[in-house]
Amino acid sequence: MDSSLLEVWQTAPGSPFLPTVGKGSQFLVGFVLLLLGLSLTGAFALNRSLFNLPLYGVPASLAIAFGTVYMFCAVGVYV
């Protein structure tokens, strides 16, 4: 094992991992992202065109994807 990797391994217990979004707010973040994604999906469904795809379609799919992951983590299904 590389000596620098061994040093990182040995100092890891002294610096715990702090997530960007805390466990207490994951449900709220997931719910808001899912709501935003469904709203953007509805707006895209009403105005389907090639121009609206990057404006509504891509952000809607990303919001639904990340919202689903945060919702899974909030209720205890870890991915």
Protein backbone atom coordinates (compact mmCIF):
# COMPACT_ATOMS: atom_id res chain seq x y z
CA MET A 1 0.00 0.00 0.00
CA ASP A 2 1.27 3.48 -0.83
CA SER A 3 2.47 5.40 2.21
CA SER A 4 0.30 8.44 1.38
CA LEU A 5 -2.78 6.25 1.11
CA LEU A 6 -1.90 4.66 4.44
CA GLU A 7 -1.64 8.11 6.01
CA VAL A 8 -5.05 9.09 4.65
CA TRP A 9 -6.51 5.85 6.01
CA GLN A 10 -5.05 6.43 9.46
CA THR A 11 -6.17 10.07 9.70
CA ALA A 12 -9.70 9.39 8.39
CA PRO A 13 -11.30 8.76 11.83
CA GLY A 14 -10.22 12.23 12.92
CA SER A 15 -12.13 13.96 10.13
CA PRO A 16 -15.70 12.61 9.84
CA PHE A 17 -17.72 12.98 6.65
CA LEU A 18 -20.16 15.92 6.68
CA PRO A 19 -22.72 15.73 3.86
CA THR A 20 -23.80 18.84 1.96
CA VAL A 21 -27.48 18.12 2.64
CA GLY A 22 -28.07 16.88 6.17
CA LYS A 23 -30.21 13.88 7.04
CA GLY A 24 -32.93 16.09 8.52
CA SER A 25 -33.47 18.08 5.34
CA GLN A 26 -33.23 15.31 2.73
CA PHE A 27 -36.99 14.78 2.70
CA LEU A 28 -37.67 18.47 2.04
CA VAL A 29 -35.01 18.67 -0.69
CA GLY A 30 -36.34 15.51 -2.35
CA PHE A 31 -39.94 16.69 -2.18
CA VAL A 32 -39.11 20.12 -3.64
CA LEU A 33 -37.05 18.58 -6.45
CA LEU A 34 -39.82 16.11 -7.31
CA LEU A 35 -42.43 18.87 -7.27
CA LEU A 36 -40.23 21.06 -9.47
CA GLY A 37 -39.58 18.17 -11.84
CA LEU A 38 -43.27 17.35 -12.18
CA SER A 39 -44.10 21.01 -12.78
CA LEU A 40 -41.47 21.31 -15.49
CA THR A 41 -42.69 18.06 -17.02
CA GLY A 42 -46.20 19.50 -17.21
CA ALA A 43 -44.92 22.71 -18.80
CA PHE A 44 -42.94 20.68 -21.32
CA ALA A 45 -45.94 18.47 -22.10
CA LEU A 46 -48.07 21.54 -22.86
CA ASN A 47 -45.46 23.19 -25.11
CA ARG A 48 -43.51 20.43 -26.83
CA SER A 49 -40.96 21.73 -29.29
CA LEU A 50 -37.26 21.39 -29.94
CA PHE A 51 -36.69 24.79 -28.35
CA ASN A 52 -38.39 23.77 -25.09
CA LEU A 53 -36.43 20.53 -24.73
CA PRO A 54 -33.32 22.10 -23.11
CA LEU A 55 -35.49 24.71 -21.39
CA TYR A 56 -38.00 22.35 -19.71
CA GLY A 57 -37.24 18.73 -20.58
CA VAL A 58 -33.66 18.35 -19.40
CA PRO A 59 -34.10 20.24 -16.09
CA ALA A 60 -37.31 18.29 -15.44
CA SER A 61 -35.59 14.93 -15.87
CA LEU A 62 -32.63 15.99 -13.72
CA ALA A 63 -34.90 17.31 -10.96
CA ILE A 64 -36.93 14.08 -10.94
CA ALA A 65 -33.75 11.97 -10.91
CA PHE A 66 -32.07 13.81 -8.04
CA GLY A 67 -35.38 14.19 -6.18
CA THR A 68 -35.91 10.44 -6.33
CA VAL A 69 -32.44 9.75 -4.95
CA TYR A 70 -32.91 12.26 -2.11
CA MET A 71 -36.34 10.83 -1.33
CA PHE A 72 -34.90 7.31 -1.25
CA CYS A 73 -32.19 8.47 1.16
CA ALA A 74 -34.72 10.33 3.32
CA VAL A 75 -36.85 7.24 3.88
CA GLY A 76 -33.91 4.86 4.37
CA VAL A 77 -33.44 3.22 0.96
CA TYR A 78 -29.76 3.89 0.35
CA VAL A 79 -28.41 3.73 -3.17
